[in-house]
Amino acid sequence: FLDRTMALQHCGWLLVVLLSALVVGQDDYLGECGVLVPQAFTCRSIPEWASFLDSAMANAAQEFPMDWKLARQAEDILTKWQDKPYPPQDFFKYLCSGPGAPWPMADRFCLFGFVTALIIHSRHTMNASDREERKRAEMDFGYATTVLGKEGSVDFLDSSPWPVSILDAYININETNFSSYSTYARDVPVIPPRTPLEALHWRP
């Protein structure tokens, strides 16, 4: 039932995504196919977010090594937006408003960039010697999942160029060594079922 509910939520957002694609900027493309995405999914039109996005993508391409310059960028973002009320209703309203919504928003907030900053900064402090730093990292991993809405209702990170996933946050809570979800999935693959699903048949 939960999977069905989440699927319906994401299908409902598909129309918003398609309509918003009408107002993308020239750099708002995703993947080799050049799929258009809303400007709010990239935030490239806002210099401070564009710079952080480029740095985060370069770091992710190397499988997230320690990069204290990038960590400071993330910390500056978190410091600036730490008093942003949750949930960020103005950003959610923008996503729901279709192609007529003005961009950037008045405060120039970028939800997916903020989530990336939470994960990047926590990645650098999760194994700190200071207990309070480790506790903050744990809380920030958790907050990264929370700000994406109930049951990840506005989790469109996979449809954006931001190089993190909500699963990157989940699997690193209560950990001291960072692992991206892509690395985790490679190192700890799902064991195939002993009986192939196609071999199972219902018998009334």
N, C-alpha and C. Protein backbone atom coordinates (compact mmCIF):
# COMPACT_ATOMS: atom_id res chain seq x y z
N PHE A 1 0.83 -1.21 0.00
CA PHE A 1 0.00 0.00 0.00
C PHE A 1 0.86 1.25 0.00
N LEU A 2 1.94 1.24 0.80
CA LEU A 2 2.83 2.39 0.87
C LEU A 2 3.49 2.65 -0.48
N ASP A 3 3.96 1.56 -1.13
CA ASP A 3 4.58 1.71 -2.44
C ASP A 3 3.60 2.31 -3.44
N ARG A 4 2.33 1.86 -3.38
CA ARG A 4 1.31 2.38 -4.29
C ARG A 4 1.06 3.86 -4.03
N THR A 5 1.00 4.23 -2.75
CA THR A 5 0.77 5.63 -2.40
C THR A 5 1.89 6.52 -2.90
N MET A 6 3.14 6.08 -2.69
CA MET A 6 4.28 6.87 -3.12
C MET A 6 4.32 6.97 -4.64
N ALA A 7 3.94 5.89 -5.32
CA ALA A 7 3.92 5.92 -6.78
C ALA A 7 2.91 6.93 -7.29
N LEU A 8 1.73 6.97 -6.64
CA LEU A 8 0.71 7.93 -7.05
C LEU A 8 1.16 9.36 -6.80
N GLN A 9 1.88 9.57 -5.67
CA GLN A 9 2.39 10.91 -5.37
C GLN A 9 3.34 11.36 -6.46
N HIS A 10 4.26 10.49 -6.86
CA HIS A 10 5.25 10.86 -7.86
C HIS A 10 4.61 11.03 -9.24
N CYS A 11 3.58 10.21 -9.54
CA CYS A 11 2.88 10.39 -10.81
C CYS A 11 2.17 11.73 -10.85
N GLY A 12 1.63 12.13 -9.69
CA GLY A 12 0.96 13.42 -9.63
C GLY A 12 1.90 14.57 -9.89
N TRP A 13 3.17 14.39 -9.52
CA TRP A 13 4.16 15.45 -9.74
C TRP A 13 4.65 15.48 -11.17
N LEU A 14 4.38 14.42 -11.94
CA LEU A 14 4.93 14.36 -13.29
C LEU A 14 4.42 15.53 -14.13
N LEU A 15 3.14 15.87 -13.99
CA LEU A 15 2.58 16.98 -14.76
C LEU A 15 3.28 18.27 -14.41
N VAL A 16 3.57 18.48 -13.12
CA VAL A 16 4.28 19.68 -12.69
C VAL A 16 5.65 19.74 -13.33
N VAL A 17 6.34 18.61 -13.35
CA VAL A 17 7.67 18.56 -13.93
C VAL A 17 7.63 18.91 -15.42
N LEU A 18 6.67 18.35 -16.13
CA LEU A 18 6.59 18.59 -17.56
C LEU A 18 6.24 20.04 -17.86
N LEU A 19 5.30 20.60 -17.09
CA LEU A 19 4.94 22.00 -17.30
C LEU A 19 6.09 22.93 -16.96
N SER A 20 6.78 22.62 -15.87
CA SER A 20 7.87 23.47 -15.44
C SER A 20 9.02 23.45 -16.43
N ALA A 21 9.12 22.37 -17.20
CA ALA A 21 10.18 22.28 -18.19
C ALA A 21 10.08 23.36 -19.25
N LEU A 22 8.90 24.00 -19.32
CA LEU A 22 8.74 25.07 -20.29
C LEU A 22 9.53 26.31 -19.93
N VAL A 23 9.97 26.40 -18.67
CA VAL A 23 10.65 27.61 -18.23
C VAL A 23 12.06 27.31 -17.75
N VAL A 24 12.70 26.34 -18.34
CA VAL A 24 14.05 26.00 -17.95
C VAL A 24 15.05 26.97 -18.57
N GLY A 25 16.24 26.98 -17.99
CA GLY A 25 17.32 27.75 -18.55
C GLY A 25 18.13 26.90 -19.50
N GLN A 26 19.09 27.49 -20.18
CA GLN A 26 19.83 26.77 -21.20
C GLN A 26 20.70 25.65 -20.63
N ASP A 27 21.03 25.70 -19.35
CA ASP A 27 21.87 24.67 -18.75
C ASP A 27 21.06 23.63 -17.97
N ASP A 28 19.73 23.71 -18.01
CA ASP A 28 18.91 22.83 -17.20
C ASP A 28 18.52 21.56 -17.97
N TYR A 29 19.51 20.73 -18.21
CA TYR A 29 19.31 19.47 -18.89
C TYR A 29 19.89 18.36 -18.03
N LEU A 30 19.34 17.16 -18.19
CA LEU A 30 19.77 16.05 -17.36
C LEU A 30 20.09 14.84 -18.23
N GLY A 31 21.27 14.25 -17.98
CA GLY A 31 21.63 13.01 -18.64
C GLY A 31 22.03 13.17 -20.09
N GLU A 32 22.43 12.06 -20.68
CA GLU A 32 22.91 12.08 -22.06
C GLU A 32 21.81 12.40 -23.05
N CYS A 33 20.57 12.15 -22.66
CA CYS A 33 19.45 12.41 -23.57
C CYS A 33 19.04 13.88 -23.57
N GLY A 34 19.62 14.67 -22.69
CA GLY A 34 19.30 16.10 -22.65
C GLY A 34 17.88 16.39 -22.23
N VAL A 35 17.38 15.66 -21.23
CA VAL A 35 16.01 15.87 -20.74
C VAL A 35 15.93 17.21 -20.01
N LEU A 36 14.92 17.98 -20.34
CA LEU A 36 14.72 19.27 -19.69
C LEU A 36 14.17 19.08 -18.28
N VAL A 37 14.66 19.84 -17.34
CA VAL A 37 14.15 19.78 -15.97
C VAL A 37 13.88 21.20 -15.49
N PRO A 38 13.00 21.36 -14.49
CA PRO A 38 12.71 22.70 -13.96
C PRO A 38 13.96 23.36 -13.40
N GLN A 39 14.00 24.68 -13.49
CA GLN A 39 15.16 25.41 -12.96
C GLN A 39 15.35 25.16 -11.47
N ALA A 40 14.25 24.92 -10.75
CA ALA A 40 14.35 24.66 -9.30
C ALA A 40 15.07 23.36 -9.01
N PHE A 41 15.17 22.47 -9.99
CA PHE A 41 15.85 21.20 -9.78
C PHE A 41 17.37 21.36 -9.90
N THR A 42 17.83 22.43 -10.54
CA THR A 42 19.26 22.64 -10.72
C THR A 42 19.77 23.87 -9.99
N CYS A 43 18.96 24.94 -10.00
CA CYS A 43 19.33 26.23 -9.37
C CYS A 43 20.57 26.84 -10.00
N ARG A 44 20.87 26.47 -11.23
CA ARG A 44 22.07 26.99 -11.90
C ARG A 44 21.98 28.48 -12.20
N SER A 45 20.78 29.02 -12.21
CA SER A 45 20.64 30.46 -12.49
C SER A 45 21.04 31.32 -11.29
N ILE A 46 21.33 30.68 -10.14
CA ILE A 46 21.75 31.39 -8.94
C ILE A 46 23.23 31.07 -8.72
N PRO A 47 24.12 32.03 -8.88
CA PRO A 47 25.56 31.76 -8.89
C PRO A 47 26.08 30.94 -7.70
N GLU A 48 25.63 31.27 -6.48
CA GLU A 48 26.17 30.56 -5.32
C GLU A 48 25.78 29.08 -5.32
N TRP A 49 24.58 28.78 -5.82
CA TRP A 49 24.16 27.39 -5.90
C TRP A 49 24.84 26.70 -7.08
N ALA A 50 25.01 27.39 -8.18
CA ALA A 50 25.67 26.80 -9.35
C ALA A 50 27.10 26.41 -9.02
N SER A 51 27.80 27.26 -8.28
CA SER A 51 29.18 26.97 -7.89
C SER A 51 29.24 25.73 -6.99
N PHE A 52 28.32 25.65 -6.04
CA PHE A 52 28.29 24.49 -5.13
C PHE A 52 27.94 23.22 -5.89
N LEU A 53 27.01 23.32 -6.83
CA LEU A 53 26.63 22.15 -7.63
C LEU A 53 27.82 21.61 -8.41
N ASP A 54 28.56 22.49 -9.06
CA ASP A 54 29.74 22.06 -9.83
C ASP A 54 30.76 21.37 -8.93
N SER A 55 30.99 21.94 -7.75
CA SER A 55 31.97 21.36 -6.82
C SER A 55 31.50 20.01 -6.30
N ALA A 56 30.21 19.91 -5.99
CA ALA A 56 29.66 18.65 -5.47
C ALA A 56 29.70 17.56 -6.54
N MET A 57 29.41 17.91 -7.78
CA MET A 57 29.44 16.93 -8.86
C MET A 57 30.87 16.42 -9.09
N ALA A 58 31.84 17.31 -9.01
CA ALA A 58 33.24 16.91 -9.19
C ALA A 58 33.67 15.97 -8.06
N ASN A 59 33.21 16.25 -6.85
CA ASN A 59 33.54 15.41 -5.71
C ASN A 59 32.88 14.03 -5.84
N ALA A 60 31.63 14.01 -6.26
CA ALA A 60 30.90 12.75 -6.41
C ALA A 60 31.53 11.87 -7.49
N ALA A 61 32.07 12.51 -8.54
CA ALA A 61 32.70 11.76 -9.63
C ALA A 61 33.91 10.97 -9.14
N GLN A 62 34.47 11.41 -8.00
CA GLN A 62 35.61 10.71 -7.40
C GLN A 62 35.17 9.86 -6.20
N GLU A 63 33.86 9.62 -6.10
CA GLU A 63 33.27 8.80 -5.03
C GLU A 63 33.41 9.46 -3.65
N PHE A 64 33.21 10.75 -3.61
CA PHE A 64 33.10 11.53 -2.38
C PHE A 64 34.32 11.44 -1.47
N PRO A 65 35.51 11.79 -1.97
CA PRO A 65 36.67 11.85 -1.06
C PRO A 65 36.52 13.06 -0.14
N MET A 66 37.31 13.08 0.93
CA MET A 66 37.31 14.23 1.84
C MET A 66 37.79 15.46 1.06
N ASP A 67 37.05 16.54 1.16
CA ASP A 67 37.37 17.79 0.47
C ASP A 67 36.92 18.92 1.39
N TRP A 68 37.85 19.47 2.14
CA TRP A 68 37.47 20.43 3.17
C TRP A 68 37.05 21.77 2.58
N LYS A 69 37.51 22.10 1.39
CA LYS A 69 37.02 23.31 0.72
C LYS A 69 35.54 23.16 0.40
N LEU A 70 35.16 21.99 -0.09
CA LEU A 70 33.76 21.71 -0.37
C LEU A 70 32.95 21.68 0.93
N ALA A 71 33.53 21.11 1.98
CA ALA A 71 32.85 21.06 3.28
C ALA A 71 32.57 22.46 3.80
N ARG A 72 33.51 23.39 3.57
CA ARG A 72 33.29 24.77 4.02
C ARG A 72 32.18 25.42 3.21
N GLN A 73 32.11 25.12 1.91
CA GLN A 73 30.99 25.62 1.10
C GLN A 73 29.67 25.13 1.69
N ALA A 74 29.63 23.85 2.01
CA ALA A 74 28.40 23.27 2.57
C ALA A 74 28.07 23.92 3.91
N GLU A 75 29.07 24.13 4.74
CA GLU A 75 28.84 24.75 6.05
C GLU A 75 28.32 26.17 5.90
N ASP A 76 28.85 26.92 4.96
CA ASP A 76 28.38 28.28 4.72
C ASP A 76 26.90 28.28 4.33
N ILE A 77 26.51 27.30 3.50
CA ILE A 77 25.12 27.18 3.08
C ILE A 77 24.23 26.86 4.28
N LEU A 78 24.66 25.90 5.10
CA LEU A 78 23.86 25.51 6.26
C LEU A 78 23.74 26.65 7.26
N THR A 79 24.81 27.41 7.43
CA THR A 79 24.77 28.55 8.35
C THR A 79 23.78 29.60 7.86
N LYS A 80 23.81 29.85 6.56
CA LYS A 80 22.93 30.86 5.98
C LYS A 80 21.46 30.47 6.10
N TRP A 81 21.17 29.17 5.91
CA TRP A 81 19.78 28.73 5.83
C TRP A 81 19.32 27.97 7.07
N GLN A 82 20.08 28.03 8.16
CA GLN A 82 19.73 27.22 9.33
C GLN A 82 18.41 27.65 9.97
N ASP A 83 18.00 28.89 9.74
CA ASP A 83 16.74 29.36 10.32
C ASP A 83 15.58 29.27 9.34
N LYS A 84 15.81 28.62 8.20
CA LYS A 84 14.73 28.44 7.23
C LYS A 84 13.66 27.56 7.85
N PRO A 85 12.41 28.04 7.93
CA PRO A 85 11.36 27.23 8.57
C PRO A 85 11.14 25.92 7.83
N TYR A 86 10.87 24.87 8.60
CA TYR A 86 10.52 23.59 8.01
C TYR A 86 9.02 23.35 8.22
N PRO A 87 8.31 22.84 7.22
CA PRO A 87 8.83 22.57 5.87
C PRO A 87 8.94 23.86 5.07
N PRO A 88 9.84 23.91 4.08
CA PRO A 88 10.02 25.13 3.28
C PRO A 88 8.83 25.33 2.34
N GLN A 89 7.75 25.85 2.91
CA GLN A 89 6.49 25.93 2.17
C GLN A 89 6.60 26.74 0.89
N ASP A 90 7.43 27.80 0.90
CA ASP A 90 7.53 28.62 -0.31
C ASP A 90 8.13 27.82 -1.46
N PHE A 91 9.08 26.94 -1.16
CA PHE A 91 9.68 26.12 -2.21
C PHE A 91 8.67 25.08 -2.70
N PHE A 92 7.94 24.47 -1.77
CA PHE A 92 6.93 23.49 -2.16
C PHE A 92 5.85 24.18 -3.03
N LYS A 93 5.46 25.38 -2.64
CA LYS A 93 4.45 26.12 -3.40
C LYS A 93 4.96 26.42 -4.80
N TYR A 94 6.24 26.77 -4.91
CA TYR A 94 6.81 27.02 -6.23
C TYR A 94 6.69 25.78 -7.11
N LEU A 95 7.03 24.63 -6.57
CA LEU A 95 6.98 23.40 -7.35
C LEU A 95 5.56 23.09 -7.83
N CYS A 96 4.58 23.49 -7.05
CA CYS A 96 3.19 23.20 -7.38
C CYS A 96 2.55 24.26 -8.29
N SER A 97 3.27 25.34 -8.56
CA SER A 97 2.64 26.48 -9.24
C SER A 97 2.75 26.45 -10.76
N GLY A 98 3.44 25.47 -11.32
CA GLY A 98 3.51 25.37 -12.77
C GLY A 98 4.42 26.41 -13.39
N PRO A 99 4.34 26.55 -14.72
CA PRO A 99 5.28 27.42 -15.45
C PRO A 99 5.14 28.90 -15.17
N GLY A 100 4.05 29.31 -14.51
CA GLY A 100 3.88 30.73 -14.23
C GLY A 100 4.62 31.20 -12.99
N ALA A 101 5.19 30.27 -12.23
CA ALA A 101 5.86 30.64 -10.99
C ALA A 101 7.17 31.37 -11.28
N PRO A 102 7.40 32.52 -10.64
CA PRO A 102 8.65 33.26 -10.88
C PRO A 102 9.85 32.53 -10.29
N TRP A 103 10.95 32.58 -10.99
CA TRP A 103 12.20 31.98 -10.52
C TRP A 103 13.35 32.93 -10.81
N PRO A 104 14.30 33.10 -9.87
CA PRO A 104 14.34 32.45 -8.56
C PRO A 104 13.35 33.05 -7.59
N MET A 105 13.14 32.33 -6.48
CA MET A 105 12.27 32.84 -5.44
C MET A 105 12.93 34.03 -4.76
N ALA A 106 12.16 34.76 -4.01
CA ALA A 106 12.67 35.99 -3.41
C ALA A 106 13.89 35.76 -2.54
N ASP A 107 13.91 34.67 -1.78
CA ASP A 107 15.05 34.43 -0.89
C ASP A 107 16.15 33.59 -1.53
N ARG A 108 15.93 33.14 -2.79
CA ARG A 108 16.94 32.41 -3.57
C ARG A 108 17.32 31.07 -2.91
N PHE A 109 16.35 30.45 -2.26
CA PHE A 109 16.58 29.16 -1.63
C PHE A 109 16.50 28.04 -2.66
N CYS A 110 17.32 27.00 -2.45
CA CYS A 110 17.33 25.84 -3.35
C CYS A 110 17.25 24.58 -2.49
N LEU A 111 16.12 23.90 -2.51
CA LEU A 111 15.90 22.76 -1.63
C LEU A 111 16.90 21.64 -1.87
N PHE A 112 17.11 21.25 -3.12
CA PHE A 112 17.97 20.12 -3.39
C PHE A 112 19.44 20.45 -3.13
N GLY A 113 19.81 21.72 -3.32
CA GLY A 113 21.15 22.15 -2.95
C GLY A 113 21.35 22.12 -1.45
N PHE A 114 20.31 22.48 -0.70
CA PHE A 114 20.36 22.45 0.75
C PHE A 114 20.52 21.02 1.26
N VAL A 115 19.78 20.09 0.68
CA VAL A 115 19.90 18.68 1.06
C VAL A 115 21.31 18.17 0.77
N THR A 116 21.86 18.55 -0.38
CA THR A 116 23.22 18.15 -0.73
C THR A 116 24.22 18.69 0.28
N ALA A 117 24.02 19.94 0.71
CA ALA A 117 24.92 20.53 1.71
C ALA A 117 24.85 19.76 3.03
N LEU A 118 23.66 19.35 3.43
CA LEU A 118 23.51 18.57 4.66
C LEU A 118 24.31 17.27 4.58
N ILE A 119 24.20 16.58 3.45
CA ILE A 119 24.88 15.30 3.30
C ILE A 119 26.39 15.48 3.17
N ILE A 120 26.81 16.46 2.39
CA ILE A 120 28.25 16.71 2.20
C ILE A 120 28.91 17.09 3.53
N HIS A 121 28.28 18.01 4.27
CA HIS A 121 28.87 18.44 5.53
C HIS A 121 28.90 17.29 6.53
N SER A 122 27.84 16.52 6.62
CA SER A 122 27.79 15.39 7.54
C SER A 122 28.83 14.35 7.19
N ARG A 123 29.07 14.17 5.89
CA ARG A 123 30.08 13.21 5.45
C ARG A 123 31.45 13.56 6.04
N HIS A 124 31.73 14.85 6.21
CA HIS A 124 33.03 15.29 6.71
C HIS A 124 33.13 15.32 8.23
N THR A 125 32.01 15.24 8.93
CA THR A 125 32.04 15.36 10.39
C THR A 125 31.54 14.11 11.11
N MET A 126 31.08 13.11 10.39
CA MET A 126 30.47 11.94 11.01
C MET A 126 31.46 11.10 11.82
N ASN A 127 32.76 11.23 11.52
CA ASN A 127 33.76 10.49 12.29
C ASN A 127 34.70 11.43 13.06
N ALA A 128 34.19 12.62 13.38
CA ALA A 128 34.99 13.60 14.13
C ALA A 128 35.27 13.09 15.54
N SER A 129 36.35 13.56 16.12
CA SER A 129 36.70 13.15 17.48
C SER A 129 35.74 13.75 18.51
N ASP A 130 35.14 14.89 18.15
CA ASP A 130 34.22 15.56 19.07
C ASP A 130 32.83 14.89 18.98
N ARG A 131 32.32 14.48 20.13
CA ARG A 131 31.03 13.77 20.16
C ARG A 131 29.89 14.63 19.64
N GLU A 132 29.92 15.92 19.95
CA GLU A 132 28.86 16.82 19.51
C GLU A 132 28.85 16.97 17.99
N GLU A 133 30.04 16.98 17.39
CA GLU A 133 30.12 17.04 15.93
C GLU A 133 29.50 15.80 15.31
N ARG A 134 29.79 14.64 15.89
CA ARG A 134 29.22 13.40 15.36
C ARG A 134 27.71 13.38 15.52
N LYS A 135 27.24 13.90 16.64
CA LYS A 135 25.80 13.94 16.88
C LYS A 135 25.11 14.88 15.89
N ARG A 136 25.77 15.99 15.61
CA ARG A 136 25.19 16.92 14.64
C ARG A 136 25.13 16.28 13.26
N ALA A 137 26.18 15.54 12.89
CA ALA A 137 26.18 14.87 11.59
C ALA A 137 25.02 13.89 11.50
N GLU A 138 24.78 13.15 12.56
CA GLU A 138 23.67 12.20 12.59
C GLU A 138 22.34 12.92 12.41
N MET A 139 22.18 14.04 13.11
CA MET A 139 20.94 14.81 13.02
C MET A 139 20.76 15.39 11.62
N ASP A 140 21.86 15.85 11.02
CA ASP A 140 21.76 16.45 9.68
C ASP A 140 21.44 15.40 8.62
N PHE A 141 21.97 14.19 8.76
CA PHE A 141 21.57 13.12 7.84
C PHE A 141 20.07 12.89 7.95
N GLY A 142 19.57 12.87 9.18
CA GLY A 142 18.14 12.68 9.37
C GLY A 142 17.33 13.84 8.81
N TYR A 143 17.83 15.06 9.00
CA TYR A 143 17.10 16.23 8.51
C TYR A 143 17.06 16.27 6.99
N ALA A 144 18.11 15.73 6.36
CA ALA A 144 18.15 15.68 4.90
C ALA A 144 16.99 14.87 4.35
N THR A 145 16.55 13.85 5.09
CA THR A 145 15.39 13.06 4.65
C THR A 145 14.09 13.77 4.99
N THR A 146 14.09 14.49 6.11
CA THR A 146 12.87 15.14 6.58
C THR A 146 12.43 16.28 5.67
N VAL A 147 13.38 17.09 5.21
CA VAL A 147 13.00 18.27 4.43
C VAL A 147 12.48 17.90 3.04
N LEU A 148 12.63 16.65 2.65
CA LEU A 148 12.10 16.21 1.35
C LEU A 148 10.64 15.78 1.43
N GLY A 149 10.02 16.11 2.55
CA GLY A 149 8.59 15.88 2.68
C GLY A 149 8.25 14.52 3.26
N LYS A 150 7.01 14.38 3.68
CA LYS A 150 6.54 13.13 4.25
C LYS A 150 6.67 12.01 3.24
N GLU A 151 7.34 10.93 3.64
CA GLU A 151 7.57 9.77 2.79
C GLU A 151 8.27 10.17 1.48
N GLY A 152 9.11 11.21 1.56
CA GLY A 152 9.87 11.63 0.38
C GLY A 152 8.99 12.16 -0.74
N SER A 153 7.91 12.84 -0.38
CA SER A 153 6.93 13.27 -1.39
C SER A 153 7.50 14.27 -2.39
N VAL A 154 8.57 15.00 -2.04
CA VAL A 154 9.19 15.90 -3.01
C VAL A 154 10.64 15.52 -3.25
N ASP A 155 10.92 14.22 -3.13
CA ASP A 155 12.26 13.73 -3.40
C ASP A 155 12.42 13.49 -4.89
N PHE A 156 12.88 14.52 -5.60
CA PHE A 156 13.17 14.40 -7.02
C PHE A 156 14.67 14.55 -7.28
N LEU A 157 15.47 14.19 -6.30
CA LEU A 157 16.92 14.30 -6.46
C LEU A 157 17.41 13.48 -7.65
N ASP A 158 16.80 12.32 -7.89
CA ASP A 158 17.23 11.48 -9.00
C ASP A 158 16.89 12.11 -10.35
N SER A 159 16.01 13.10 -10.34
CA SER A 159 15.65 13.81 -11.57
C SER A 159 16.38 15.15 -11.67
N SER A 160 17.38 15.31 -10.82
CA SER A 160 18.16 16.54 -10.82
C SER A 160 19.64 16.20 -10.98
N PRO A 161 20.48 17.19 -11.26
CA PRO A 161 21.92 16.91 -11.36
C PRO A 161 22.63 16.87 -10.01
N TRP A 162 21.92 17.17 -8.92
CA TRP A 162 22.56 17.12 -7.60
C TRP A 162 22.98 15.68 -7.32
N PRO A 163 24.26 15.44 -6.97
CA PRO A 163 24.81 14.08 -6.97
C PRO A 163 24.61 13.29 -5.69
N VAL A 164 23.48 13.48 -5.02
CA VAL A 164 23.19 12.72 -3.81
C VAL A 164 21.80 12.11 -3.92
N SER A 165 21.54 11.15 -3.04
CA SER A 165 20.25 10.48 -3.00
C SER A 165 19.75 10.50 -1.56
N ILE A 166 18.45 10.43 -1.39
CA ILE A 166 17.89 10.34 -0.04
C ILE A 166 18.44 9.10 0.66
N LEU A 167 18.80 8.08 -0.12
CA LEU A 167 19.36 6.85 0.46
C LEU A 167 20.77 7.07 0.99
N ASP A 168 21.49 8.05 0.43
CA ASP A 168 22.81 8.40 0.97
C ASP A 168 22.68 8.85 2.42
N ALA A 169 21.59 9.54 2.71
CA ALA A 169 21.36 10.01 4.08
C ALA A 169 20.94 8.85 4.98
N TYR A 170 19.98 8.06 4.51
CA TYR A 170 19.46 6.97 5.35
C TYR A 170 20.54 5.99 5.77
N ILE A 171 21.38 5.55 4.82
CA ILE A 171 22.32 4.48 5.15
C ILE A 171 23.50 4.95 5.99
N ASN A 172 23.67 6.27 6.15
CA ASN A 172 24.79 6.78 6.94
C ASN A 172 24.40 7.26 8.33
N ILE A 173 23.13 7.20 8.66
CA ILE A 173 22.70 7.55 10.02
C ILE A 173 23.27 6.52 10.99
N ASN A 174 23.86 7.00 12.08
CA ASN A 174 24.48 6.16 13.10
C ASN A 174 25.75 5.45 12.62
N GLU A 175 26.34 5.93 11.54
CA GLU A 175 27.59 5.36 11.04
C GLU A 175 28.72 6.37 11.26
N THR A 176 29.95 5.88 11.18
CA THR A 176 31.11 6.77 11.29
C THR A 176 31.94 6.80 10.03
N ASN A 177 31.72 5.85 9.13
CA ASN A 177 32.41 5.82 7.84
C ASN A 177 31.38 5.99 6.72
N PHE A 178 31.61 6.99 5.88
CA PHE A 178 30.64 7.32 4.85
C PHE A 178 30.65 6.31 3.72
N SER A 179 29.46 6.01 3.23
CA SER A 179 29.31 5.17 2.04
C SER A 179 28.16 5.73 1.22
N SER A 180 28.42 6.02 -0.04
CA SER A 180 27.32 6.46 -0.90
C SER A 180 26.45 5.25 -1.21
N TYR A 181 25.20 5.50 -1.58
CA TYR A 181 24.31 4.38 -1.85
C TYR A 181 24.81 3.56 -3.04
N SER A 182 25.37 4.22 -4.04
CA SER A 182 25.87 3.49 -5.21
C SER A 182 27.00 2.53 -4.80
N THR A 183 27.88 2.98 -3.90
CA THR A 183 28.94 2.12 -3.40
C THR A 183 28.38 1.00 -2.55
N TYR A 184 27.42 1.34 -1.69
CA TYR A 184 26.79 0.34 -0.83
C TYR A 184 26.10 -0.74 -1.65
N ALA A 185 25.37 -0.33 -2.69
CA ALA A 185 24.66 -1.30 -3.53
C ALA A 185 25.64 -2.21 -4.27
N ARG A 186 26.79 -1.68 -4.60
CA ARG A 186 27.81 -2.49 -5.28
C ARG A 186 28.48 -3.46 -4.31
N ASP A 187 28.77 -2.99 -3.10
CA ASP A 187 29.48 -3.82 -2.13
C ASP A 187 28.57 -4.79 -1.38
N VAL A 188 27.31 -4.42 -1.24
CA VAL A 188 26.36 -5.28 -0.53
C VAL A 188 25.15 -5.52 -1.44
N PRO A 189 25.33 -6.29 -2.48
CA PRO A 189 24.23 -6.50 -3.44
C PRO A 189 23.09 -7.29 -2.82
N VAL A 190 21.90 -7.06 -3.35
CA VAL A 190 20.72 -7.80 -2.89
C VAL A 190 20.84 -9.24 -3.36
N ILE A 191 20.66 -10.17 -2.44
CA ILE A 191 20.77 -11.59 -2.77
C ILE A 191 19.55 -11.99 -3.59
N PRO A 192 19.76 -12.61 -4.75
CA PRO A 192 18.62 -13.03 -5.58
C PRO A 192 17.77 -14.06 -4.84
N PRO A 193 16.47 -14.08 -5.06
CA PRO A 193 15.62 -15.08 -4.40
C PRO A 193 15.99 -16.49 -4.87
N ARG A 194 15.85 -17.46 -3.97
CA ARG A 194 16.18 -18.84 -4.34
C ARG A 194 15.27 -19.35 -5.45
N THR A 195 14.03 -18.89 -5.42
CA THR A 195 13.07 -19.28 -6.46
C THR A 195 12.73 -18.05 -7.28
N PRO A 196 13.00 -18.08 -8.60
CA PRO A 196 12.68 -16.92 -9.44
C PRO A 196 11.20 -16.56 -9.32
N LEU A 197 10.93 -15.27 -9.29
CA LEU A 197 9.55 -14.83 -9.13
C LEU A 197 8.65 -15.34 -10.26
N GLU A 198 9.21 -15.44 -11.47
CA GLU A 198 8.39 -15.90 -12.59
C GLU A 198 7.99 -17.36 -12.45
N ALA A 199 8.67 -18.08 -11.53
CA ALA A 199 8.33 -19.50 -11.33
C ALA A 199 7.20 -19.69 -10.32
N LEU A 200 6.81 -18.61 -9.67
CA LEU A 200 5.75 -18.69 -8.68
C LEU A 200 4.39 -18.50 -9.34
N HIS A 201 3.46 -19.36 -9.01
CA HIS A 201 2.12 -19.30 -9.59
C HIS A 201 1.08 -19.42 -8.49
N TRP A 202 0.03 -18.66 -8.62
CA TRP A 202 -1.05 -18.72 -7.65
C TRP A 202 -1.97 -19.89 -7.98
N ARG A 203 -2.29 -20.65 -6.95
CA ARG A 203 -3.18 -21.79 -7.15
C ARG A 203 -4.43 -21.60 -6.29
N PRO A 204 -5.59 -21.36 -6.92
CA PRO A 204 -6.82 -21.14 -6.15
C PRO A 204 -7.27 -22.42 -5.41
